Amino acid sequence: MDKRVKELMIQKCVRVRRNDQIYEAANRVAEDPETLLTCVVDDSDRLIGIITPKELLKAAEVCDYGGTKYPFFSGREALHLLTSKYAEDIMSEPVSVKPDDDVQKAIDLMLHKGFYEVPVVDKEGKLIGEINYIGIISHSIWQCNLERK
């Protein structure tokens, strides 16, 4: 493909602060279903964590139904989710790419982590957008059609 992330990234992304309540993160994702990954940023807009749709869904299930029916949850994890209130409680370590990275790096992260999008950060770690599978696939299809002509 030999494309850079900056050529396919979008500047949209869902941002929350570490002490925003989980329901706020869920509301922001629901407002714009084009972006599903929630990026947790500090006061300088540096990426400090991510919340996947799976984490939001687990938190919603435990909140709405008081538990989970899936055996892969341990008692400790369910208890953690029951007591979780803020974004920082369910966020995981940040995963990101930089604008000048090859798109292949983003693809590798998506396939390895099971993500549909990856945050894009600048040299200082500030969140500037995301690259998602729809943009990558659309570009690939467009490129293949050009080559066939």
C-alpha atoms as a PDB file:
ATOM      1  CA  MET A   1       0.000   0.000   0.000  1.00  0.00           C
ATOM      2  CA  ASP A   2       2.868   2.368   0.866  1.00  0.00           C
ATOM      3  CA  LYS A   3       0.608   5.016   2.342  1.00  0.00           C
ATOM      4  CA  ARG A   4       1.132   7.149   5.401  1.00  0.00           C
ATOM      5  CA  VAL A   5      -1.391   7.336   8.218  1.00  0.00           C
ATOM      6  CA  LYS A   6      -1.837  11.087   7.657  1.00  0.00           C
ATOM      7  CA  GLU A   7      -3.214  10.388   4.176  1.00  0.00           C
ATOM      8  CA  LEU A   8      -6.093   8.234   5.471  1.00  0.00           C
ATOM      9  CA  MET A   9      -6.731   9.535   8.982  1.00  0.00           C
ATOM     10  CA  ILE A  10      -9.753  11.549  10.019  1.00  0.00           C
ATOM     11  CA  GLN A  11      -9.643  14.308  12.587  1.00  0.00           C
ATOM     12  CA  LYS A  12     -12.775  13.091  14.348  1.00  0.00           C
ATOM     13  CA  CYS A  13     -12.475  11.093  17.526  1.00  0.00           C
ATOM     14  CA  VAL A  14     -14.293  10.693  20.814  1.00  0.00           C
ATOM     15  CA  ARG A  15     -12.372  12.396  23.637  1.00  0.00           C
ATOM     16  CA  VAL A  16     -13.010  12.165  27.342  1.00  0.00           C
ATOM     17  CA  ARG A  17     -11.023  13.074  30.438  1.00  0.00           C
ATOM     18  CA  ARG A  18      -9.984  10.456  32.997  1.00  0.00           C
ATOM     19  CA  ASN A  19     -12.527  11.662  35.554  1.00  0.00           C
ATOM     20  CA  ASP A  20     -15.470  11.922  33.142  1.00  0.00           C
ATOM     21  CA  GLN A  21     -18.181   9.486  34.102  1.00  0.00           C
ATOM     22  CA  ILE A  22     -18.511   6.311  32.054  1.00  0.00           C
ATOM     23  CA  TYR A  23     -21.997   7.238  30.895  1.00  0.00           C
ATOM     24  CA  GLU A  24     -20.532  10.439  29.374  1.00  0.00           C
ATOM     25  CA  ALA A  25     -18.142   8.360  27.280  1.00  0.00           C
ATOM     26  CA  ALA A  26     -21.003   6.101  26.190  1.00  0.00           C
ATOM     27  CA  ASN A  27     -23.127   9.127  25.253  1.00  0.00           C
ATOM     28  CA  ARG A  28     -20.344  10.609  23.128  1.00  0.00           C
ATOM     29  CA  VAL A  29     -19.904   7.328  21.258  1.00  0.00           C
ATOM     30  CA  ALA A  30     -23.672   7.080  20.734  1.00  0.00           C
ATOM     31  CA  GLU A  31     -23.783  10.634  19.344  1.00  0.00           C
ATOM     32  CA  ASP A  32     -21.328   9.761  16.586  1.00  0.00           C
ATOM     33  CA  PRO A  33     -21.333   6.053  15.723  1.00  0.00           C
ATOM     34  CA  GLU A  34     -18.662   6.655  13.061  1.00  0.00           C
ATOM     35  CA  THR A  35     -16.111   6.585  15.882  1.00  0.00           C
ATOM     36  CA  LEU A  36     -16.409   3.766  18.403  1.00  0.00           C
ATOM     37  CA  LEU A  37     -13.121   3.959  20.256  1.00  0.00           C
ATOM     38  CA  THR A  38     -13.046   6.387  23.178  1.00  0.00           C
ATOM     39  CA  CYS A  39      -9.763   8.225  23.686  1.00  0.00           C
ATOM     40  CA  VAL A  40      -8.942   9.332  27.222  1.00  0.00           C
ATOM     41  CA  VAL A  41      -6.824  12.498  27.201  1.00  0.00           C
ATOM     42  CA  ASP A  42      -5.200  14.676  29.858  1.00  0.00           C
ATOM     43  CA  ASP A  43      -5.584  18.452  30.177  1.00  0.00           C
ATOM     44  CA  SER A  44      -2.960  18.944  27.448  1.00  0.00           C
ATOM     45  CA  ASP A  45      -4.898  16.646  25.077  1.00  0.00           C
ATOM     46  CA  ARG A  46      -2.238  13.899  25.332  1.00  0.00           C
ATOM     47  CA  LEU A  47      -3.563  10.376  24.925  1.00  0.00           C
ATOM     48  CA  ILE A  48      -3.387   8.543  28.255  1.00  0.00           C
ATOM     49  CA  GLY A  49      -5.742   5.630  27.640  1.00  0.00           C
ATOM     50  CA  ILE A  50      -8.427   4.103  25.474  1.00  0.00           C
ATOM     51  CA  ILE A  51     -11.825   2.602  26.098  1.00  0.00           C
ATOM     52  CA  THR A  52     -12.977   0.043  23.566  1.00  0.00           C
ATOM     53  CA  PRO A  53     -16.628  -0.548  22.653  1.00  0.00           C
ATOM     54  CA  LYS A  54     -16.274  -3.933  24.359  1.00  0.00           C
ATOM     55  CA  GLU A  55     -15.355  -2.248  27.655  1.00  0.00           C
ATOM     56  CA  LEU A  56     -18.325   0.111  27.375  1.00  0.00           C
ATOM     57  CA  LEU A  57     -20.625  -2.819  26.624  1.00  0.00           C
ATOM     58  CA  LYS A  58     -19.337  -4.795  29.609  1.00  0.00           C
ATOM     59  CA  ALA A  59     -19.835  -1.762  31.867  1.00  0.00           C
ATOM     60  CA  ALA A  60     -23.367  -1.255  30.497  1.00  0.00           C
ATOM     61  CA  GLU A  61     -24.280  -4.899  31.043  1.00  0.00           C
ATOM     62  CA  VAL A  62     -23.073  -4.924  34.627  1.00  0.00           C
ATOM     63  CA  CYS A  63     -24.720  -1.549  35.346  1.00  0.00           C
ATOM     64  CA  ASP A  64     -28.063  -2.403  33.749  1.00  0.00           C
ATOM     65  CA  TYR A  65     -28.311  -6.055  34.794  1.00  0.00           C
ATOM     66  CA  GLY A  66     -26.213  -6.154  37.957  1.00  0.00           C
ATOM     67  CA  GLY A  67     -23.874  -8.780  36.575  1.00  0.00           C
ATOM     68  CA  THR A  68     -22.956 -10.702  33.486  1.00  0.00           C
ATOM     69  CA  LYS A  69     -23.891 -14.025  32.017  1.00  0.00           C
ATOM     70  CA  TYR A  70     -20.604 -14.547  30.199  1.00  0.00           C
ATOM     71  CA  PRO A  71     -18.207 -16.981  31.862  1.00  0.00           C
ATOM     72  CA  PHE A  72     -15.080 -15.098  30.797  1.00  0.00           C
ATOM     73  CA  PHE A  73     -15.808 -12.496  33.477  1.00  0.00           C
ATOM     74  CA  SER A  74     -14.225 -13.341  36.775  1.00  0.00           C
ATOM     75  CA  GLY A  75     -15.922 -12.300  40.002  1.00  0.00           C
ATOM     76  CA  ARG A  76     -13.199  -9.714  40.525  1.00  0.00           C
ATOM     77  CA  GLU A  77     -13.768  -8.176  37.083  1.00  0.00           C
ATOM     78  CA  ALA A  78     -17.544  -8.000  37.592  1.00  0.00           C
ATOM     79  CA  LEU A  79     -16.993  -6.378  40.998  1.00  0.00           C
ATOM     80  CA  HIS A  80     -14.582  -3.894  39.417  1.00  0.00           C
ATOM     81  CA  LEU A  81     -17.177  -3.018  36.774  1.00  0.00           C
ATOM     82  CA  LEU A  82     -19.891  -2.628  39.407  1.00  0.00           C
ATOM     83  CA  THR A  83     -17.764  -0.116  41.294  1.00  0.00           C
ATOM     84  CA  SER A  84     -16.435   1.664  38.186  1.00  0.00           C
ATOM     85  CA  LYS A  85     -17.689   5.188  37.752  1.00  0.00           C
ATOM     86  CA  TYR A  86     -15.091   7.089  35.751  1.00  0.00           C
ATOM     87  CA  ALA A  87     -13.348   6.664  32.410  1.00  0.00           C
ATOM     88  CA  GLU A  88     -10.050   5.932  34.148  1.00  0.00           C
ATOM     89  CA  ASP A  89     -11.673   2.955  35.885  1.00  0.00           C
ATOM     90  CA  ILE A  90     -12.193   1.049  32.630  1.00  0.00           C
ATOM     91  CA  MET A  91      -9.553   2.527  30.320  1.00  0.00           C
ATOM     92  CA  SER A  92      -6.623   0.482  29.102  1.00  0.00           C
ATOM     93  CA  GLU A  93      -3.124   1.532  28.101  1.00  0.00           C
ATOM     94  CA  PRO A  94      -3.031   3.766  25.022  1.00  0.00           C
ATOM     95  CA  VAL A  95      -2.307   2.305  21.615  1.00  0.00           C
ATOM     96  CA  SER A  96      -1.588   4.757  18.805  1.00  0.00           C
ATOM     97  CA  VAL A  97       0.190   5.549  15.568  1.00  0.00           C
ATOM     98  CA  LYS A  98       1.810   8.729  14.319  1.00  0.00           C
ATOM     99  CA  PRO A  99       0.884  10.612  11.123  1.00  0.00           C
ATOM    100  CA  ASP A 100       4.079   9.603   9.309  1.00  0.00           C
ATOM    101  CA  ASP A 101       3.773   5.897  10.187  1.00  0.00           C
ATOM    102  CA  ASP A 102       3.029   3.491   7.378  1.00  0.00           C
ATOM    103  CA  VAL A 103      -0.638   2.480   7.220  1.00  0.00           C
ATOM    104  CA  GLN A 104       0.550  -1.111   7.604  1.00  0.00           C
ATOM    105  CA  LYS A 105       1.423  -0.328  11.231  1.00  0.00           C
ATOM    106  CA  ALA A 106      -2.185   0.722  11.859  1.00  0.00           C
ATOM    107  CA  ILE A 107      -3.465  -2.404  10.107  1.00  0.00           C
ATOM    108  CA  ASP A 108      -1.174  -4.593  12.218  1.00  0.00           C
ATOM    109  CA  LEU A 109      -2.444  -2.952  15.433  1.00  0.00           C
ATOM    110  CA  MET A 110      -6.066  -3.343  14.362  1.00  0.00           C
ATOM    111  CA  LEU A 111      -5.640  -7.008  13.520  1.00  0.00           C
ATOM    112  CA  HIS A 112      -3.544  -7.792  16.595  1.00  0.00           C
ATOM    113  CA  LYS A 113      -5.766  -5.917  19.077  1.00  0.00           C
ATOM    114  CA  GLY A 114      -9.129  -6.530  17.394  1.00  0.00           C
ATOM    115  CA  PHE A 115      -9.753  -2.786  16.947  1.00  0.00           C
ATOM    116  CA  TYR A 116     -11.598  -1.068  14.112  1.00  0.00           C
ATOM    117  CA  GLU A 117      -9.741   2.190  14.629  1.00  0.00           C
ATOM    118  CA  VAL A 118      -6.489   3.432  16.114  1.00  0.00           C
ATOM    119  CA  PRO A 119      -5.823   6.892  17.601  1.00  0.00           C
ATOM    120  CA  VAL A 120      -3.296   9.111  15.834  1.00  0.00           C
ATOM    121  CA  VAL A 121      -1.011  11.252  18.004  1.00  0.00           C
ATOM    122  CA  ASP A 122       1.627  13.855  17.200  1.00  0.00           C
ATOM    123  CA  LYS A 123       5.240  13.853  18.429  1.00  0.00           C
ATOM    124  CA  GLU A 124       4.166  15.127  21.869  1.00  0.00           C
ATOM    125  CA  GLY A 125       1.534  12.407  22.211  1.00  0.00           C
ATOM    126  CA  LYS A 126      -1.369  14.804  21.625  1.00  0.00           C
ATOM    127  CA  LEU A 127      -4.431  13.281  20.036  1.00  0.00           C
ATOM    128  CA  ILE A 128      -4.987  14.596  16.505  1.00  0.00           C
ATOM    129  CA  GLY A 129      -7.405  12.056  15.029  1.00  0.00           C
ATOM    130  CA  GLU A 130      -7.815   8.415  14.179  1.00  0.00           C
ATOM    131  CA  ILE A 131      -7.390   5.996  11.350  1.00  0.00           C
ATOM    132  CA  ASN A 132     -10.118   3.431  10.870  1.00  0.00           C
ATOM    133  CA  TYR A 133     -10.719   0.310   8.869  1.00  0.00           C
ATOM    134  CA  ILE A 134     -13.385   1.957   6.702  1.00  0.00           C
ATOM    135  CA  GLY A 135     -10.885   4.537   5.442  1.00  0.00           C
ATOM    136  CA  ILE A 136      -8.275   1.869   4.777  1.00  0.00           C
ATOM    137  CA  ILE A 137     -10.683  -0.471   2.989  1.00  0.00           C
ATOM    138  CA  SER A 138     -12.223   2.367   0.949  1.00  0.00           C
ATOM    139  CA  HIS A 139      -8.796   3.506  -0.184  1.00  0.00           C
ATOM    140  CA  SER A 140      -7.754  -0.048  -1.066  1.00  0.00           C
ATOM    141  CA  ILE A 141     -10.896  -0.628  -3.148  1.00  0.00           C
ATOM    142  CA  TRP A 142     -10.425   2.714  -4.883  1.00  0.00           C
ATOM    143  CA  GLN A 143      -6.758   1.893  -5.561  1.00  0.00           C
ATOM    144  CA  CYS A 144      -7.615  -1.572  -6.928  1.00  0.00           C
ATOM    145  CA  ASN A 145     -10.226  -0.101  -9.266  1.00  0.00           C
ATOM    146  CA  LEU A 146      -7.680   2.403 -10.602  1.00  0.00           C
ATOM    147  CA  GLU A 147      -5.167  -0.357 -11.279  1.00  0.00           C
ATOM    148  CA  ARG A 148      -7.746  -2.407 -13.187  1.00  0.00           C
ATOM    149  CA  LYS A 149      -8.525   0.397 -15.615  1.00  0.00           C
END
